[in-house]
Amino acid sequence: AWMFWEQNQHEGVIAVRAALACYPHRTADATPERMAAL
């Protein structure tokens, strides 16, 4: 259940915010509004 939650909930927020902040090819998607929501 925790492993399913990790992929369904956690990864799509925690990992995505880190990716937007760290990967140059994702910076265009790192709008202030999206980063705040994440």
PDB file of all heavy atoms in Angstrom:
ATOM      1  N   ALA A   1       0.831  -1.202   0.000  1.00  0.00           N
ATOM      2  CA  ALA A   1       0.000   0.000   0.000  1.00  0.00           C
ATOM      3  C   ALA A   1       0.866   1.253   0.000  1.00  0.00           C
ATOM      4  O   ALA A   1       0.611   2.212  -0.750  1.00  0.00           O
ATOM      5  CB  ALA A   1      -0.933  -0.004   1.210  1.00  0.00           C
ATOM      6  N   TRP A   2       1.929   1.275   0.805  1.00  0.00           N
ATOM      7  CA  TRP A   2       2.838   2.414   0.820  1.00  0.00           C
ATOM      8  C   TRP A   2       3.570   2.553  -0.515  1.00  0.00           C
ATOM      9  O   TRP A   2       3.798   3.662  -0.997  1.00  0.00           O
ATOM     10  CB  TRP A   2       3.852   2.277   1.956  1.00  0.00           C
ATOM     11  CG  TRP A   2       3.321   2.696   3.291  1.00  0.00           C
ATOM     12  CD1 TRP A   2       2.974   1.905   4.346  1.00  0.00           C
ATOM     13  CD2 TRP A   2       3.063   4.044   3.722  1.00  0.00           C
ATOM     14  NE1 TRP A   2       2.519   2.661   5.388  1.00  0.00           N
ATOM     15  CE2 TRP A   2       2.563   3.974   5.042  1.00  0.00           C
ATOM     16  CE3 TRP A   2       3.205   5.294   3.121  1.00  0.00           C
ATOM     17  CZ2 TRP A   2       2.211   5.118   5.764  1.00  0.00           C
ATOM     18  CZ3 TRP A   2       2.854   6.433   3.842  1.00  0.00           C
ATOM     19  CH2 TRP A   2       2.368   6.337   5.144  1.00  0.00           C
ATOM     20  N   MET A   3       3.913   1.437  -1.122  1.00  0.00           N
ATOM     21  CA  MET A   3       4.603   1.483  -2.412  1.00  0.00           C
ATOM     22  C   MET A   3       3.680   1.999  -3.516  1.00  0.00           C
ATOM     23  O   MET A   3       4.109   2.753  -4.393  1.00  0.00           O
ATOM     24  CB  MET A   3       5.171   0.108  -2.749  1.00  0.00           C
ATOM     25  CG  MET A   3       6.259  -0.349  -1.775  1.00  0.00           C
ATOM     26  SD  MET A   3       6.822  -2.043  -2.030  1.00  0.00           S
ATOM     27  CE  MET A   3       7.835  -1.840  -3.509  1.00  0.00           C
ATOM     28  N   PHE A   4       2.404   1.601  -3.473  1.00  0.00           N
ATOM     29  CA  PHE A   4       1.448   2.128  -4.441  1.00  0.00           C
ATOM     30  C   PHE A   4       1.251   3.631  -4.205  1.00  0.00           C
ATOM     31  O   PHE A   4       1.179   4.413  -5.159  1.00  0.00           O
ATOM     32  CB  PHE A   4       0.103   1.410  -4.318  1.00  0.00           C
ATOM     33  CG  PHE A   4       0.143  -0.060  -4.628  1.00  0.00           C
ATOM     34  CD1 PHE A   4      -0.744  -0.938  -4.011  1.00  0.00           C
ATOM     35  CD2 PHE A   4       1.057  -0.596  -5.524  1.00  0.00           C
ATOM     36  CE1 PHE A   4      -0.720  -2.290  -4.288  1.00  0.00           C
ATOM     37  CE2 PHE A   4       1.088  -1.950  -5.805  1.00  0.00           C
ATOM     38  CZ  PHE A   4       0.195  -2.799  -5.183  1.00  0.00           C
ATOM     39  N   TRP A   5       1.165   4.016  -2.935  1.00  0.00           N
ATOM     40  CA  TRP A   5       0.991   5.432  -2.582  1.00  0.00           C
ATOM     41  C   TRP A   5       2.179   6.261  -3.047  1.00  0.00           C
ATOM     42  O   TRP A   5       2.009   7.382  -3.532  1.00  0.00           O
ATOM     43  CB  TRP A   5       0.817   5.540  -1.067  1.00  0.00           C
ATOM     44  CG  TRP A   5       0.609   6.924  -0.540  1.00  0.00           C
ATOM     45  CD1 TRP A   5      -0.555   7.642  -0.528  1.00  0.00           C
ATOM     46  CD2 TRP A   5       1.598   7.771   0.082  1.00  0.00           C
ATOM     47  NE1 TRP A   5      -0.352   8.871   0.063  1.00  0.00           N
ATOM     48  CE2 TRP A   5       0.956   8.974   0.449  1.00  0.00           C
ATOM     49  CE3 TRP A   5       2.949   7.613   0.373  1.00  0.00           C
ATOM     50  CZ2 TRP A   5       1.627  10.020   1.081  1.00  0.00           C
ATOM     51  CZ3 TRP A   5       3.625   8.648   1.014  1.00  0.00           C
ATOM     52  CH2 TRP A   5       2.961   9.837   1.353  1.00  0.00           C
ATOM     53  N   GLU A   6       3.365   5.688  -2.962  1.00  0.00           N
ATOM     54  CA  GLU A   6       4.567   6.400  -3.394  1.00  0.00           C
ATOM     55  C   GLU A   6       4.470   6.773  -4.868  1.00  0.00           C
ATOM     56  O   GLU A   6       4.772   7.907  -5.256  1.00  0.00           O
ATOM     57  CB  GLU A   6       5.809   5.535  -3.137  1.00  0.00           C
ATOM     58  CG  GLU A   6       7.130   6.227  -3.418  1.00  0.00           C
ATOM     59  CD  GLU A   6       7.717   5.897  -4.783  1.00  0.00           C
ATOM     60  OE1 GLU A   6       7.144   5.025  -5.486  1.00  0.00           O
ATOM     61  OE2 GLU A   6       8.737   6.499  -5.144  1.00  0.00           O
ATOM     62  N   GLN A   7       4.041   5.848  -5.703  1.00  0.00           N
ATOM     63  CA  GLN A   7       3.960   6.126  -7.125  1.00  0.00           C
ATOM     64  C   GLN A   7       2.730   6.957  -7.481  1.00  0.00           C
ATOM     65  O   GLN A   7       2.776   7.808  -8.364  1.00  0.00           O
ATOM     66  CB  GLN A   7       3.951   4.829  -7.926  1.00  0.00           C
ATOM     67  CG  GLN A   7       5.296   4.130  -7.988  1.00  0.00           C
ATOM     68  CD  GLN A   7       6.304   4.882  -8.851  1.00  0.00           C
ATOM     69  OE1 GLN A   7       6.222   4.902 -10.064  1.00  0.00           O
ATOM     70  NE2 GLN A   7       7.276   5.512  -8.199  1.00  0.00           N
ATOM     71  N   ASN A   8       1.632   6.742  -6.777  1.00  0.00           N
ATOM     72  CA  ASN A   8       0.371   7.402  -7.108  1.00  0.00           C
ATOM     73  C   ASN A   8       0.273   8.816  -6.549  1.00  0.00           C
ATOM     74  O   ASN A   8      -0.384   9.679  -7.148  1.00  0.00           O
ATOM     75  CB  ASN A   8      -0.796   6.550  -6.596  1.00  0.00           C
ATOM     76  CG  ASN A   8      -2.148   7.134  -6.949  1.00  0.00           C
ATOM     77  OD1 ASN A   8      -2.813   7.728  -6.114  1.00  0.00           O
ATOM     78  ND2 ASN A   8      -2.549   6.962  -8.195  1.00  0.00           N
ATOM     79  N   GLN A   9       0.903   9.086  -5.399  1.00  0.00           N
ATOM     80  CA  GLN A   9       0.779  10.373  -4.732  1.00  0.00           C
ATOM     81  C   GLN A   9       2.127  11.076  -4.541  1.00  0.00           C
ATOM     82  O   GLN A   9       2.352  12.168  -5.045  1.00  0.00           O
ATOM     83  CB  GLN A   9       0.113  10.172  -3.348  1.00  0.00           C
ATOM     84  CG  GLN A   9      -1.272   9.558  -3.398  1.00  0.00           C
ATOM     85  CD  GLN A   9      -2.308  10.524  -3.936  1.00  0.00           C
ATOM     86  OE1 GLN A   9      -2.224  11.725  -3.678  1.00  0.00           O
ATOM     87  NE2 GLN A   9      -3.264  10.029  -4.690  1.00  0.00           N
ATOM     88  N   HIS A  10       3.017  10.418  -3.828  1.00  0.00           N
ATOM     89  CA  HIS A  10       4.272  11.016  -3.369  1.00  0.00           C
ATOM     90  C   HIS A  10       5.189  11.406  -4.535  1.00  0.00           C
ATOM     91  O   HIS A  10       5.657  12.540  -4.632  1.00  0.00           O
ATOM     92  CB  HIS A  10       4.950  10.014  -2.432  1.00  0.00           C
ATOM     93  CG  HIS A  10       6.223  10.438  -1.802  1.00  0.00           C
ATOM     94  ND1 HIS A  10       7.439  10.376  -2.448  1.00  0.00           N
ATOM     95  CD2 HIS A  10       6.488  10.895  -0.556  1.00  0.00           C
ATOM     96  CE1 HIS A  10       8.390  10.773  -1.635  1.00  0.00           C
ATOM     97  NE2 HIS A  10       7.846  11.109  -0.479  1.00  0.00           N
ATOM     98  N   GLU A  11       5.462  10.462  -5.426  1.00  0.00           N
ATOM     99  CA  GLU A  11       6.426  10.697  -6.496  1.00  0.00           C
ATOM    100  C   GLU A  11       5.986  11.808  -7.437  1.00  0.00           C
ATOM    101  O   GLU A  11       6.803  12.612  -7.893  1.00  0.00           O
ATOM    102  CB  GLU A  11       6.657   9.389  -7.273  1.00  0.00           C
ATOM    103  CG  GLU A  11       7.890   9.415  -8.156  1.00  0.00           C
ATOM    104  CD  GLU A  11       7.554   9.467  -9.626  1.00  0.00           C
ATOM    105  OE1 GLU A  11       6.375   9.635  -9.963  1.00  0.00           O
ATOM    106  OE2 GLU A  11       8.478   9.353 -10.436  1.00  0.00           O
ATOM    107  N   GLY A  12       4.694  11.903  -7.695  1.00  0.00           N
ATOM    108  CA  GLY A  12       4.181  12.906  -8.605  1.00  0.00           C
ATOM    109  C   GLY A  12       4.221  14.323  -8.067  1.00  0.00           C
ATOM    110  O   GLY A  12       3.943  15.275  -8.804  1.00  0.00           O
ATOM    111  N   VAL A  13       4.566  14.466  -6.789  1.00  0.00           N
ATOM    112  CA  VAL A  13       4.692  15.789  -6.177  1.00  0.00           C
ATOM    113  C   VAL A  13       6.131  16.037  -5.734  1.00  0.00           C
ATOM    114  O   VAL A  13       6.792  16.971  -6.192  1.00  0.00           O
ATOM    115  CB  VAL A  13       3.733  15.937  -4.979  1.00  0.00           C
ATOM    116  CG1 VAL A  13       3.975  17.263  -4.260  1.00  0.00           C
ATOM    117  CG2 VAL A  13       2.288  15.834  -5.436  1.00  0.00           C
ATOM    118  N   ILE A  14       6.638  15.179  -4.857  1.00  0.00           N
ATOM    119  CA  ILE A  14       7.979  15.369  -4.298  1.00  0.00           C
ATOM    120  C   ILE A  14       9.033  15.306  -5.398  1.00  0.00           C
ATOM    121  O   ILE A  14       9.898  16.181  -5.516  1.00  0.00           O
ATOM    122  CB  ILE A  14       8.273  14.310  -3.216  1.00  0.00           C
ATOM    123  CG1 ILE A  14       7.199  14.324  -2.112  1.00  0.00           C
ATOM    124  CG2 ILE A  14       9.670  14.513  -2.633  1.00  0.00           C
ATOM    125  CD1 ILE A  14       7.146  15.575  -1.289  1.00  0.00           C
ATOM    126  N   ALA A  15       8.971  14.266  -6.223  1.00  0.00           N
ATOM    127  CA  ALA A  15       9.963  14.109  -7.286  1.00  0.00           C
ATOM    128  C   ALA A  15       9.782  15.142  -8.388  1.00  0.00           C
ATOM    129  O   ALA A  15      10.761  15.652  -8.942  1.00  0.00           O
ATOM    130  CB  ALA A  15       9.886  12.703  -7.867  1.00  0.00           C
ATOM    131  N   VAL A  16       8.547  15.469  -8.710  1.00  0.00           N
ATOM    132  CA  VAL A  16       8.299  16.414  -9.787  1.00  0.00           C
ATOM    133  C   VAL A  16       8.809  17.801  -9.422  1.00  0.00           C
ATOM    134  O   VAL A  16       9.430  18.483 -10.244  1.00  0.00           O
ATOM    135  CB  VAL A  16       6.799  16.450 -10.147  1.00  0.00           C
ATOM    136  CG1 VAL A  16       6.474  17.652 -11.025  1.00  0.00           C
ATOM    137  CG2 VAL A  16       6.403  15.162 -10.860  1.00  0.00           C
ATOM    138  N   ARG A  17       8.582  18.236  -8.177  1.00  0.00           N
ATOM    139  CA  ARG A  17       9.088  19.567  -7.792  1.00  0.00           C
ATOM    140  C   ARG A  17      10.617  19.608  -7.862  1.00  0.00           C
ATOM    141  O   ARG A  17      11.206  20.595  -8.310  1.00  0.00           O
ATOM    142  CB  ARG A  17       8.612  19.958  -6.399  1.00  0.00           C
ATOM    143  CG  ARG A  17       8.830  21.443  -6.096  1.00  0.00           C
ATOM    144  CD  ARG A  17       8.209  21.868  -4.771  1.00  0.00           C
ATOM    145  NE  ARG A  17       8.072  23.312  -4.695  1.00  0.00           N
ATOM    146  CZ  ARG A  17       9.038  24.156  -4.330  1.00  0.00           C
ATOM    147  NH1 ARG A  17      10.244  23.682  -4.014  1.00  0.00           N
ATOM    148  NH2 ARG A  17       8.825  25.457  -4.285  1.00  0.00           N
ATOM    149  N   ALA A  18      11.254  18.529  -7.422  1.00  0.00           N
ATOM    150  CA  ALA A  18      12.711  18.468  -7.507  1.00  0.00           C
ATOM    151  C   ALA A  18      13.179  18.492  -8.954  1.00  0.00           C
ATOM    152  O   ALA A  18      14.158  19.167  -9.291  1.00  0.00           O
ATOM    153  CB  ALA A  18      13.220  17.216  -6.803  1.00  0.00           C
ATOM    154  N   ALA A  19      12.479  17.778  -9.830  1.00  0.00           N
ATOM    155  CA  ALA A  19      12.860  17.743 -11.241  1.00  0.00           C
ATOM    156  C   ALA A  19      12.708  19.112 -11.884  1.00  0.00           C
ATOM    157  O   ALA A  19      13.572  19.554 -12.661  1.00  0.00           O
ATOM    158  CB  ALA A  19      12.007  16.711 -11.985  1.00  0.00           C
ATOM    159  N   LEU A  20      11.630  19.802 -11.566  1.00  0.00           N
ATOM    160  CA  LEU A  20      11.417  21.132 -12.129  1.00  0.00           C
ATOM    161  C   LEU A  20      12.498  22.103 -11.662  1.00  0.00           C
ATOM    162  O   LEU A  20      12.894  23.013 -12.404  1.00  0.00           O
ATOM    163  CB  LEU A  20      10.034  21.660 -11.731  1.00  0.00           C
ATOM    164  CG  LEU A  20       8.829  20.933 -12.333  1.00  0.00           C
ATOM    165  CD1 LEU A  20       7.533  21.506 -11.779  1.00  0.00           C
ATOM    166  CD2 LEU A  20       8.834  21.010 -13.844  1.00  0.00           C
ATOM    167  N   ALA A  21      12.971  21.894 -10.437  1.00  0.00           N
ATOM    168  CA  ALA A  21      13.983  22.785  -9.882  1.00  0.00           C
ATOM    169  C   ALA A  21      15.389  22.455 -10.375  1.00  0.00           C
ATOM    170  O   ALA A  21      16.244  23.346 -10.435  1.00  0.00           O
ATOM    171  CB  ALA A  21      13.942  22.723  -8.355  1.00  0.00           C
ATOM    172  N   CYS A  22      15.636  21.193 -10.726  1.00  0.00           N
ATOM    173  CA  CYS A  22      17.016  20.749 -10.977  1.00  0.00           C
ATOM    174  C   CYS A  22      17.353  20.464 -12.429  1.00  0.00           C
ATOM    175  O   CYS A  22      18.519  20.577 -12.815  1.00  0.00           O
ATOM    176  CB  CYS A  22      17.306  19.497 -10.141  1.00  0.00           C
ATOM    177  SG  CYS A  22      17.219  19.768  -8.352  1.00  0.00           S
ATOM    178  N   TYR A  23      16.375  20.056 -13.246  1.00  0.00           N
ATOM    179  CA  TYR A  23      16.669  19.684 -14.620  1.00  0.00           C
ATOM    180  C   TYR A  23      16.476  20.887 -15.547  1.00  0.00           C
ATOM    181  O   TYR A  23      15.365  21.438 -15.623  1.00  0.00           O
ATOM    182  CB  TYR A  23      15.774  18.547 -15.087  1.00  0.00           C
ATOM    183  CG  TYR A  23      16.057  17.216 -14.441  1.00  0.00           C
ATOM    184  CD1 TYR A  23      15.022  16.449 -13.887  1.00  0.00           C
ATOM    185  CD2 TYR A  23      17.353  16.694 -14.389  1.00  0.00           C
ATOM    186  CE1 TYR A  23      15.276  15.214 -13.306  1.00  0.00           C
ATOM    187  CE2 TYR A  23      17.610  15.471 -13.810  1.00  0.00           C
ATOM    188  CZ  TYR A  23      16.570  14.734 -13.266  1.00  0.00           C
ATOM    189  OH  TYR A  23      16.820  13.524 -12.697  1.00  0.00           O
ATOM    190  N   PRO A  24      17.523  21.298 -16.263  1.00  0.00           N
ATOM    191  CA  PRO A  24      17.399  22.462 -17.152  1.00  0.00           C
ATOM    192  C   PRO A  24      16.270  22.331 -18.175  1.00  0.00           C
ATOM    193  O   PRO A  24      15.609  23.329 -18.505  1.00  0.00           O
ATOM    194  CB  PRO A  24      18.768  22.513 -17.843  1.00  0.00           C
ATOM    195  CG  PRO A  24      19.711  21.876 -16.869  1.00  0.00           C
ATOM    196  CD  PRO A  24      18.914  20.781 -16.223  1.00  0.00           C
ATOM    197  N   HIS A  25      16.026  21.109 -18.661  1.00  0.00           N
ATOM    198  CA  HIS A  25      14.999  20.961 -19.688  1.00  0.00           C
ATOM    199  C   HIS A  25      13.578  21.021 -19.117  1.00  0.00           C
ATOM    200  O   HIS A  25      12.605  20.998 -19.876  1.00  0.00           O
ATOM    201  CB  HIS A  25      15.198  19.653 -20.455  1.00  0.00           C
ATOM    202  CG  HIS A  25      14.957  18.414 -19.657  1.00  0.00           C
ATOM    203  ND1 HIS A  25      15.852  17.939 -18.728  1.00  0.00           N
ATOM    204  CD2 HIS A  25      13.905  17.551 -19.639  1.00  0.00           C
ATOM    205  CE1 HIS A  25      15.379  16.830 -18.185  1.00  0.00           C
ATOM    206  NE2 HIS A  25      14.199  16.585 -18.720  1.00  0.00           N
ATOM    207  N   ARG A  26      13.475  21.120 -17.771  1.00  0.00           N
ATOM    208  CA  ARG A  26      12.154  21.228 -17.150  1.00  0.00           C
ATOM    209  C   ARG A  26      11.853  22.627 -16.616  1.00  0.00           C
ATOM    210  O   ARG A  26      10.755  22.869 -16.101  1.00  0.00           O
ATOM    211  CB  ARG A  26      12.046  20.225 -15.979  1.00  0.00           C
ATOM    212  CG  ARG A  26      12.228  18.753 -16.328  1.00  0.00           C
ATOM    213  CD  ARG A  26      11.050  18.185 -17.076  1.00  0.00           C
ATOM    214  NE  ARG A  26       9.809  18.258 -16.333  1.00  0.00           N
ATOM    215  CZ  ARG A  26       9.402  17.314 -15.462  1.00  0.00           C
ATOM    216  NH1 ARG A  26      10.157  16.243 -15.246  1.00  0.00           N
ATOM    217  NH2 ARG A  26       8.244  17.430 -14.849  1.00  0.00           N
ATOM    218  N   THR A  27      12.814  23.532 -16.706  1.00  0.00           N
ATOM    219  CA  THR A  27      12.657  24.835 -16.057  1.00  0.00           C
ATOM    220  C   THR A  27      11.483  25.643 -16.623  1.00  0.00           C
ATOM    221  O   THR A  27      10.884  26.446 -15.906  1.00  0.00           O
ATOM    222  CB  THR A  27      13.948  25.668 -16.174  1.00  0.00           C
ATOM    223  OG1 THR A  27      14.337  25.755 -17.549  1.00  0.00           O
ATOM    224  CG2 THR A  27      15.079  25.042 -15.380  1.00  0.00           C
ATOM    225  N   ALA A  28      11.163  25.454 -17.883  1.00  0.00           N
ATOM    226  CA  ALA A  28      10.049  26.204 -18.468  1.00  0.00           C
ATOM    227  C   ALA A  28       8.728  25.884 -17.789  1.00  0.00           C
ATOM    228  O   ALA A  28       7.792  26.705 -17.794  1.00  0.00           O
ATOM    229  CB  ALA A  28       9.952  25.915 -19.969  1.00  0.00           C
ATOM    230  N   ASP A  29       8.633  24.699 -17.210  1.00  0.00           N
ATOM    231  CA  ASP A  29       7.402  24.286 -16.526  1.00  0.00           C
ATOM    232  C   ASP A  29       7.378  24.697 -15.058  1.00  0.00           C
ATOM    233  O   ASP A  29       6.365  24.516 -14.382  1.00  0.00           O
ATOM    234  CB  ASP A  29       7.237  22.767 -16.613  1.00  0.00           C
ATOM    235  CG  ASP A  29       7.083  22.286 -18.048  1.00  0.00           C
ATOM    236  OD1 ASP A  29       6.414  22.992 -18.824  1.00  0.00           O
ATOM    237  OD2 ASP A  29       7.625  21.222 -18.381  1.00  0.00           O
ATOM    238  N   ALA A  30       8.492  25.244 -14.574  1.00  0.00           N
ATOM    239  CA  ALA A  30       8.594  25.585 -13.149  1.00  0.00           C
ATOM    240  C   ALA A  30       8.059  26.983 -12.889  1.00  0.00           C
ATOM    241  O   ALA A  30       8.768  27.876 -12.404  1.00  0.00           O
ATOM    242  CB  ALA A  30      10.042  25.459 -12.693  1.00  0.00           C
ATOM    243  N   THR A  31       6.792  27.198 -13.200  1.00  0.00           N
ATOM    244  CA  THR A  31       6.184  28.498 -12.950  1.00  0.00           C
ATOM    245  C   THR A  31       6.024  28.711 -11.447  1.00  0.00           C
ATOM    246  O   THR A  31       5.903  27.735 -10.686  1.00  0.00           O
ATOM    247  CB  THR A  31       4.818  28.597 -13.616  1.00  0.00           C
ATOM    248  OG1 THR A  31       3.947  27.625 -13.022  1.00  0.00           O
ATOM    249  CG2 THR A  31       4.914  28.341 -15.112  1.00  0.00           C
ATOM    250  N   PRO A  32       6.023  29.940 -10.972  1.00  0.00           N
ATOM    251  CA  PRO A  32       5.827  30.183  -9.533  1.00  0.00           C
ATOM    252  C   PRO A  32       4.554  29.546  -8.993  1.00  0.00           C
ATOM    253  O   PRO A  32       4.545  29.013  -7.879  1.00  0.00           O
ATOM    254  CB  PRO A  32       5.782  31.713  -9.439  1.00  0.00           C
ATOM    255  CG  PRO A  32       6.571  32.184 -10.612  1.00  0.00           C
ATOM    256  CD  PRO A  32       6.288  31.191 -11.706  1.00  0.00           C
ATOM    257  N   GLU A  33       3.499  29.595  -9.785  1.00  0.00           N
ATOM    258  CA  GLU A  33       2.228  29.022  -9.331  1.00  0.00           C
ATOM    259  C   GLU A  33       2.327  27.514  -9.163  1.00  0.00           C
ATOM    260  O   GLU A  33       1.851  26.955  -8.162  1.00  0.00           O
ATOM    261  CB  GLU A  33       1.108  29.362 -10.329  1.00  0.00           C
ATOM    262  CG  GLU A  33       0.792  30.839 -10.456  1.00  0.00           C
ATOM    263  CD  GLU A  33       1.788  31.605 -11.316  1.00  0.00           C
ATOM    264  OE1 GLU A  33       2.614  30.960 -12.008  1.00  0.00           O
ATOM    265  OE2 GLU A  33       1.743  32.847 -11.292  1.00  0.00           O
ATOM    266  N   ARG A  34       2.948  26.852 -10.134  1.00  0.00           N
ATOM    267  CA  ARG A  34       3.057  25.397 -10.037  1.00  0.00           C
ATOM    268  C   ARG A  34       3.987  24.985  -8.907  1.00  0.00           C
ATOM    269  O   ARG A  34       3.702  24.038  -8.175  1.00  0.00           O
ATOM    270  CB  ARG A  34       3.557  24.809 -11.366  1.00  0.00           C
ATOM    271  CG  ARG A  34       3.495  23.291 -11.367  1.00  0.00           C
ATOM    272  CD  ARG A  34       3.878  22.683 -12.684  1.00  0.00           C
ATOM    273  NE  ARG A  34       3.659  21.255 -12.670  1.00  0.00           N
ATOM    274  CZ  ARG A  34       4.143  20.415 -13.583  1.00  0.00           C
ATOM    275  NH1 ARG A  34       4.868  20.876 -14.598  1.00  0.00           N
ATOM    276  NH2 ARG A  34       3.905  19.122 -13.498  1.00  0.00           N
ATOM    277  N   MET A  35       5.096  25.689  -8.748  1.00  0.00           N
ATOM    278  CA  MET A  35       6.034  25.347  -7.681  1.00  0.00           C
ATOM    279  C   MET A  35       5.403  25.545  -6.311  1.00  0.00           C
ATOM    280  O   MET A  35       5.616  24.738  -5.391  1.00  0.00           O
ATOM    281  CB  MET A  35       7.305  26.181  -7.822  1.00  0.00           C
ATOM    282  CG  MET A  35       8.107  25.887  -9.095  1.00  0.00           C
ATOM    283  SD  MET A  35       8.681  24.176  -9.225  1.00  0.00           S
ATOM    284  CE  MET A  35      10.158  24.264  -8.186  1.00  0.00           C
ATOM    285  N   ALA A  36       4.604  26.593  -6.167  1.00  0.00           N
ATOM    286  CA  ALA A  36       3.926  26.835  -4.896  1.00  0.00           C
ATOM    287  C   ALA A  36       2.904  25.749  -4.603  1.00  0.00           C
ATOM    288  O   ALA A  36       2.779  25.277  -3.463  1.00  0.00           O
ATOM    289  CB  ALA A  36       3.256  28.208  -4.919  1.00  0.00           C
ATOM    290  N   ALA A  37       2.166  25.342  -5.632  1.00  0.00           N
ATOM    291  CA  ALA A  37       1.167  24.287  -5.441  1.00  0.00           C
ATOM    292  C   ALA A  37       1.827  22.969  -5.079  1.00  0.00           C
ATOM    293  O   ALA A  37       1.338  22.235  -4.205  1.00  0.00           O
ATOM    294  CB  ALA A  37       0.329  24.135  -6.717  1.00  0.00           C
ATOM    295  N   LEU A  38       2.942  22.660  -5.720  1.00  0.00           N
ATOM    296  CA  LEU A  38       3.662  21.424  -5.407  1.00  0.00           C
ATOM    297  C   LEU A  38       4.255  21.470  -3.996  1.00  0.00           C
ATOM    298  O   LEU A  38       4.281  20.453  -3.297  1.00  0.00           O
ATOM    299  CB  LEU A  38       4.769  21.186  -6.433  1.00  0.00           C
ATOM    300  CG  LEU A  38       4.308  20.766  -7.830  1.00  0.00           C
ATOM    301  CD1 LEU A  38       5.474  20.828  -8.818  1.00  0.00           C
ATOM    302  CD2 LEU A  38       3.709  19.357  -7.802  1.00  0.00           C
TER     303      LEU A  38
END
